[in-house]
Protein backbone atom coordinates (compact mmCIF):
# COMPACT_ATOMS: atom_id res chain seq x y z
CA MET A 1 4.89 -27.89 16.22
CA GLY A 2 7.38 -29.65 18.54
CA LYS A 3 10.03 -28.17 20.81
CA GLU A 4 12.73 -27.75 18.19
CA PRO A 5 12.87 -24.06 17.09
CA GLN A 6 11.34 -23.35 13.71
CA LYS A 7 13.77 -22.33 10.98
CA THR A 8 11.62 -19.33 10.07
CA VAL A 9 8.34 -17.84 11.21
CA ILE A 10 6.43 -15.29 9.15
CA ILE A 11 4.18 -12.78 10.92
CA GLY A 12 1.51 -11.47 8.55
CA SER A 13 -0.31 -12.73 5.49
CA GLY A 14 -0.58 -10.16 2.71
CA PRO A 15 1.35 -10.35 -0.60
CA ALA A 16 4.64 -9.90 1.32
CA GLY A 17 4.00 -12.67 3.85
CA TYR A 18 2.69 -15.21 1.35
CA THR A 19 5.52 -14.53 -1.13
CA ALA A 20 8.07 -14.90 1.67
CA ALA A 21 6.38 -18.20 2.56
CA ILE A 22 6.54 -19.46 -1.05
CA TYR A 23 10.28 -18.72 -1.30
CA ALA A 24 11.08 -19.99 2.21
CA ALA A 25 9.11 -23.20 1.68
CA ARG A 26 10.83 -23.90 -1.65
CA ALA A 27 14.17 -23.47 0.15
CA ASN A 28 13.14 -26.21 2.63
CA LEU A 29 12.85 -23.76 5.53
CA SER A 30 9.45 -25.26 6.53
CA PRO A 31 7.99 -21.83 7.33
CA VAL A 32 5.13 -21.29 9.74
CA LEU A 33 2.98 -18.29 8.84
CA PHE A 34 0.71 -16.51 11.33
CA THR A 35 -2.06 -14.71 9.46
CA GLY A 36 -3.01 -12.25 12.20
CA ARG A 37 -6.52 -10.91 12.62
CA GLU A 38 -6.90 -9.92 8.95
CA PRO A 39 -5.73 -12.83 6.76
CA GLY A 40 -4.75 -11.42 3.37
CA GLY A 41 -4.38 -7.84 4.63
CA GLN A 42 -5.56 -4.84 2.61
CA LEU A 43 -6.11 -6.93 -0.54
CA MET A 44 -9.11 -8.52 1.20
CA ILE A 45 -10.99 -5.22 0.95
CA THR A 46 -9.94 -4.62 -2.66
CA THR A 47 -12.21 -5.70 -5.49
CA ASP A 48 -10.57 -5.50 -8.93
CA VAL A 49 -6.77 -5.72 -9.02
CA GLU A 50 -5.69 -4.88 -12.56
CA ASN A 51 -2.06 -3.88 -12.05
CA PHE A 52 -0.55 -7.13 -10.75
CA PRO A 53 1.49 -8.83 -13.52
CA GLY A 54 0.15 -12.14 -14.77
CA TYR A 55 -3.57 -11.37 -14.57
CA PRO A 56 -4.48 -9.94 -18.00
CA GLU A 57 -8.19 -9.81 -17.12
CA GLY A 58 -7.57 -8.57 -13.57
CA ILE A 59 -8.42 -10.47 -10.39
CA MET A 60 -10.40 -9.86 -7.22
CA GLY A 61 -8.15 -9.05 -4.24
CA PRO A 62 -9.48 -11.88 -2.01
CA GLN A 63 -9.06 -14.41 -4.85
CA MET A 64 -5.45 -13.33 -5.36
CA MET A 65 -4.75 -13.82 -1.66
CA GLU A 66 -6.38 -17.26 -1.78
CA ASP A 67 -4.17 -18.17 -4.77
CA LEU A 68 -1.02 -17.02 -2.94
CA LYS A 69 -2.05 -18.92 0.20
CA LYS A 70 -2.60 -22.16 -1.76
CA GLN A 71 0.76 -21.72 -3.50
CA ALA A 72 2.51 -21.26 -0.14
CA GLU A 73 0.74 -24.33 1.29
CA ARG A 74 1.59 -26.42 -1.80
CA PHE A 75 5.28 -26.13 -0.93
CA GLY A 76 4.76 -26.97 2.73
CA THR A 77 4.02 -23.71 4.55
CA GLU A 78 2.08 -24.27 7.77
CA ILE A 79 -0.55 -21.56 8.12
CA LYS A 80 -1.88 -20.61 11.56
CA TYR A 81 -4.95 -18.38 11.82
CA GLU A 82 -3.74 -16.68 14.97
CA LEU A 83 -2.54 -13.29 16.14
CA ILE A 84 0.92 -12.74 17.59
CA ASP A 85 0.65 -10.28 20.46
CA ARG A 86 4.12 -10.41 22.07
CA VAL A 87 7.69 -11.02 20.92
CA ASP A 88 11.05 -11.57 22.59
CA PHE A 89 13.99 -11.06 20.23
CA SER A 90 16.68 -10.82 22.93
CA ASP A 91 18.37 -14.17 22.12
CA ASP A 92 19.68 -15.89 19.00
CA VAL A 93 16.55 -18.04 19.09
CA LYS A 94 13.61 -15.63 18.90
CA LYS A 95 10.38 -16.19 20.78
CA ILE A 96 6.92 -15.10 19.75
CA TYR A 97 3.67 -15.54 21.66
CA THR A 98 0.17 -16.06 20.28
CA GLU A 99 -2.90 -14.37 21.68
CA SER A 100 -3.84 -17.67 23.32
CA GLY A 101 -0.46 -17.76 25.11
CA GLU A 102 1.43 -20.34 23.04
CA GLU A 103 5.19 -19.77 22.80
CA ILE A 104 6.93 -20.44 19.48
CA ALA A 105 10.71 -20.39 19.10
CA ALA A 106 12.36 -19.63 15.74
CA HIS A 107 15.85 -19.07 14.36
CA SER A 108 14.60 -16.30 12.07
CA ILE A 109 11.53 -14.08 11.82
CA ILE A 110 10.03 -12.35 8.78
CA VAL A 111 7.79 -9.42 9.67
CA SER A 112 5.09 -8.68 7.09
CA THR A 113 2.37 -7.11 9.21
CA GLY A 114 1.51 -4.41 6.64
CA ALA A 115 -0.18 -1.09 7.20
CA THR A 116 -3.77 0.11 7.48
CA ALA A 117 -5.14 3.14 5.65
CA ARG A 118 -6.45 5.98 7.80
CA TRP A 119 -10.10 6.74 7.07
CA LEU A 120 -12.30 9.72 7.84
CA GLY A 121 -14.70 7.57 9.86
CA LEU A 122 -17.88 8.32 7.92
CA GLU A 123 -20.59 5.67 7.57
CA SER A 124 -20.94 6.49 3.86
CA GLU A 125 -17.18 6.08 3.38
CA GLN A 126 -17.30 2.55 4.78
CA ARG A 127 -20.47 1.67 2.86
CA LEU A 128 -19.09 2.86 -0.49
CA THR A 129 -15.55 1.45 -0.18
CA ASN A 130 -14.75 -0.24 -3.52
CA ASN A 131 -17.85 1.41 -5.01
CA GLY A 132 -16.21 4.76 -5.62
CA VAL A 133 -14.29 5.19 -2.35
CA SER A 134 -10.62 4.19 -2.33
CA ALA A 135 -7.47 4.75 -0.30
CA CYS A 136 -5.15 4.20 -3.28
CA ALA A 137 -5.21 6.39 -6.41
CA VAL A 138 -2.45 4.40 -8.10
CA CYS A 139 -4.45 1.18 -7.58
CA ASP A 140 -7.90 2.48 -8.54
CA GLY A 141 -7.51 5.77 -10.42
CA PHE A 142 -7.68 4.02 -13.80
CA PHE A 143 -11.33 3.06 -13.13
CA TYR A 144 -12.26 6.78 -13.04
CA ARG A 145 -10.53 7.98 -16.18
CA GLY A 146 -12.62 10.64 -17.88
CA LYS A 147 -14.63 11.28 -14.69
CA ASP A 148 -14.39 13.97 -12.01
CA VAL A 149 -13.04 12.87 -8.65
CA ALA A 150 -12.18 14.26 -5.21
CA ILE A 151 -9.23 13.52 -2.95
CA VAL A 152 -8.93 14.43 0.71
CA GLY A 153 -5.52 15.07 2.24
CA ALA A 154 -2.75 17.67 2.43
CA GLY A 155 0.55 15.78 2.66
CA ASP A 156 3.08 14.71 0.04
CA SER A 157 1.18 11.47 -0.63
CA ALA A 158 -2.08 13.36 -1.20
CA CYS A 159 -0.31 15.71 -3.62
CA GLU A 160 1.29 12.80 -5.49
CA GLU A 161 -2.04 11.03 -5.79
CA ALA A 162 -3.82 14.24 -6.90
CA LEU A 163 -1.20 14.69 -9.63
CA TYR A 164 -1.57 11.06 -10.69
CA LEU A 165 -5.36 11.47 -10.91
CA SER A 166 -5.01 14.75 -12.83
CA ASN A 167 -3.56 12.77 -15.77
CA LEU A 168 -6.69 10.59 -15.88
CA CYS A 169 -9.57 12.81 -14.76
CA PRO A 170 -10.96 16.11 -16.15
CA VAL A 171 -11.24 17.68 -12.66
CA VAL A 172 -9.64 16.65 -9.38
CA HIS A 173 -11.14 18.37 -6.34
CA MET A 174 -8.54 18.43 -3.57
CA LEU A 175 -10.15 18.85 -0.14
CA VAL A 176 -7.76 20.45 2.36
CA ARG A 177 -8.90 20.82 5.97
CA ARG A 178 -6.80 23.89 6.81
CA ASP A 179 -5.69 27.01 4.95
CA GLU A 180 -2.31 25.41 4.21
CA MET A 181 -0.85 22.04 3.26
CA ARG A 182 1.59 19.83 5.16
CA ALA A 183 3.21 18.79 1.89
CA SER A 184 6.71 19.89 0.90
CA LYS A 185 6.97 23.18 -1.01
CA ILE A 186 7.95 21.45 -4.25
CA MET A 187 4.90 19.15 -4.15
CA GLN A 188 2.58 22.06 -3.34
CA ASP A 189 3.97 24.03 -6.28
CA ARG A 190 3.38 21.13 -8.65
CA VAL A 191 -0.23 20.78 -7.51
CA MET A 192 -0.89 24.53 -7.75
CA LYS A 193 0.44 24.59 -11.32
CA GLN A 194 -1.81 21.73 -12.45
CA LYS A 195 -4.81 23.49 -13.99
CA ASN A 196 -7.35 20.69 -13.50
CA ILE A 197 -6.65 20.29 -9.76
CA LYS A 198 -9.07 22.50 -7.86
CA ILE A 199 -8.01 23.07 -4.25
CA HIS A 200 -10.77 23.64 -1.67
CA TRP A 201 -9.15 25.20 1.41
CA ASN A 202 -10.61 24.96 4.95
CA THR A 203 -12.87 22.20 3.71
CA GLU A 204 -14.26 19.26 5.63
CA THR A 205 -16.05 16.24 4.16
CA GLU A 206 -19.51 15.87 5.68
CA GLU A 207 -20.88 13.01 3.59
CA ILE A 208 -20.07 10.94 0.53
CA LEU A 209 -23.18 10.80 -1.62
CA GLY A 210 -24.63 7.82 -3.47
CA ASP A 211 -26.64 4.69 -2.71
CA THR A 212 -24.68 1.94 -4.41
CA GLU A 213 -21.85 4.00 -5.95
CA VAL A 214 -20.37 7.45 -5.41
CA THR A 215 -22.26 10.27 -7.13
CA GLY A 216 -20.95 13.26 -5.17
CA VAL A 217 -19.60 14.63 -1.92
CA ARG A 218 -21.06 17.13 0.51
CA VAL A 219 -18.46 19.48 1.98
CA ARG A 220 -18.49 22.31 4.49
CA ASN A 221 -16.22 25.35 4.55
CA ARG A 222 -14.83 25.57 8.11
CA VAL A 223 -14.53 29.38 7.94
CA THR A 224 -17.80 30.43 6.29
CA ASP A 225 -19.82 27.33 7.36
CA GLU A 226 -21.12 27.17 3.80
CA VAL A 227 -22.22 23.69 2.70
CA SER A 228 -21.94 22.63 -0.94
CA GLU A 229 -22.08 19.47 -3.06
CA LEU A 230 -19.55 18.42 -5.68
CA PRO A 231 -20.64 15.90 -8.35
CA ILE A 232 -17.92 13.21 -8.54
CA ALA A 233 -17.57 9.54 -9.45
CA GLY A 234 -14.60 8.70 -7.23
CA PHE A 235 -13.56 9.74 -3.72
CA PHE A 236 -9.95 9.11 -2.64
CA VAL A 237 -8.77 9.22 0.96
CA ALA A 238 -5.08 10.18 1.31
CA ILE A 239 -4.69 11.09 4.97
CA GLY A 240 -1.96 8.56 5.70
CA HIS A 241 -1.44 4.97 6.71
CA ILE A 242 -0.78 3.38 10.10
CA PRO A 243 1.88 0.63 9.97
CA ASN A 244 0.84 -2.43 11.99
CA THR A 245 4.04 -2.44 14.02
CA LYS A 246 2.92 -1.66 17.59
CA LEU A 247 3.90 -5.22 18.50
CA PHE A 248 7.57 -4.33 17.89
CA GLU A 249 7.77 -1.05 19.84
CA GLY A 250 10.96 -0.95 21.88
CA VAL A 251 12.19 -4.10 20.11
CA LEU A 252 12.81 -3.13 16.49
CA GLU A 253 14.06 0.23 15.27
CA MET A 254 11.28 2.27 13.70
CA GLU A 255 10.67 5.70 12.29
CA GLU A 256 8.66 8.27 14.22
CA THR A 257 5.60 7.24 12.20
CA GLY A 258 6.02 3.57 13.14
CA TYR A 259 7.46 2.20 9.89
CA LEU A 260 10.22 -0.34 10.55
CA VAL A 261 13.77 0.63 9.60
CA HIS A 262 15.86 -1.77 7.53
CA GLU A 263 19.35 -1.71 6.06
CA PRO A 264 19.58 -0.20 2.55
CA ASN A 265 19.05 -2.72 -0.27
CA SER A 266 18.15 -5.47 2.17
CA THR A 267 15.39 -6.53 4.56
CA HIS A 268 17.64 -6.78 7.65
CA THR A 269 16.29 -4.93 10.70
CA ASN A 270 18.47 -3.79 13.60
CA VAL A 271 17.99 -7.21 15.23
CA GLU A 272 20.02 -10.02 13.70
CA GLY A 273 17.78 -12.72 12.25
CA VAL A 274 14.70 -10.50 11.98
CA PHE A 275 13.69 -9.30 8.52
CA VAL A 276 10.94 -6.96 7.37
CA SER A 277 8.95 -6.92 4.14
CA GLY A 278 5.94 -5.14 2.67
CA ASP A 279 4.05 -2.11 3.91
CA ALA A 280 5.28 -2.41 7.50
CA ALA A 281 8.46 -0.77 6.15
CA ASP A 282 7.23 0.91 2.96
CA HIS A 283 5.51 4.29 3.09
CA VAL A 284 6.49 5.21 -0.48
CA TYR A 285 5.19 2.62 -2.96
CA ARG A 286 2.60 0.59 -1.00
CA GLN A 287 1.66 -1.73 -3.88
CA ALA A 288 0.91 -5.45 -3.86
CA ILE A 289 3.72 -6.08 -6.35
CA THR A 290 6.36 -4.18 -4.33
CA ALA A 291 5.23 -5.96 -1.15
CA ALA A 292 5.57 -9.31 -2.91
CA GLY A 293 9.05 -8.29 -4.13
CA THR A 294 10.27 -7.51 -0.62
CA GLY A 295 8.69 -10.74 0.64
CA CYS A 296 10.94 -12.59 -1.80
CA MET A 297 13.95 -10.55 -0.59
CA ALA A 298 13.17 -11.29 3.08
CA ALA A 299 13.00 -15.04 2.45
CA LEU A 300 16.31 -14.99 0.56
CA ASP A 301 17.92 -12.88 3.32
CA ALA A 302 16.59 -15.30 5.96
CA GLU A 303 17.91 -18.30 4.00
CA ARG A 304 21.40 -16.73 3.77
CA TYR A 305 21.34 -15.85 7.46
CA LEU A 306 20.35 -19.41 8.47
CA GLY A 307 23.10 -20.79 6.22
CA GLU A 308 25.71 -18.56 7.84
CA LYS A 309 24.48 -19.60 11.29
CA GLY A 310 24.72 -23.29 10.37
CA VAL A 311 21.01 -23.88 10.97
CA ILE A 312 20.55 -25.21 7.42
């Protein structure tokens, strides 16, 4: 890549990273994008995507990521299938280091490392992912309209997703591990008032049932030890996400939960010349379309920054 610092380097390759690359490449920033260990991010483990504008028949997640990658490459993005495992943002020219030890210098950095859903860790959960098991009710709830489902979790996100599902499904079984929820009082009240949400307190998921698709869930009451089976068609996991931001600990400002902090209505982080997009900073919406939107914003912010610095 030569010794001259890159104009912009993008770390991460989901909808945010690829959209940032498309915009940066079209602005003649000659971006270099590092895919990380999971090129395409969470969309690579998503089958039907039906809520991304422009695909009236829907599209498979991996195919969408391939389309975005090709579009980024068409305009001159250089894509590197490597992991960045160290960064040094102490100077105007930032330095990042690949797993193999290569040092890359850049005038600006766009972080789009995403987040990973927390899972229960059951074999059946892994086996039936995309065949009835999902970590996103807003993405996949529509496929289970008119069918009974279960959701595991007890925070605000779990409550929001349970309420979303309650508008589509006859019964939503909410599996709560303790005898109380972590969610805010207002969210708990809304869930309690929804007649078709059935809360199972002190309940642990033992097994998701079904050979090729979800047919039920076996649960155990942690107080009585009673085991029971609930017939369901969809099982939603809402126990949180882990932002992939460990790389930036002590370097970029982050929330307690690890999500990167940015200035309001912009993608600027606390370090000048470093911008964040997608789920690495978003614990509210977490959609492909919102990630893509912030990828566009990050590229535009980087372009303005480089203009002000006289790099372009």
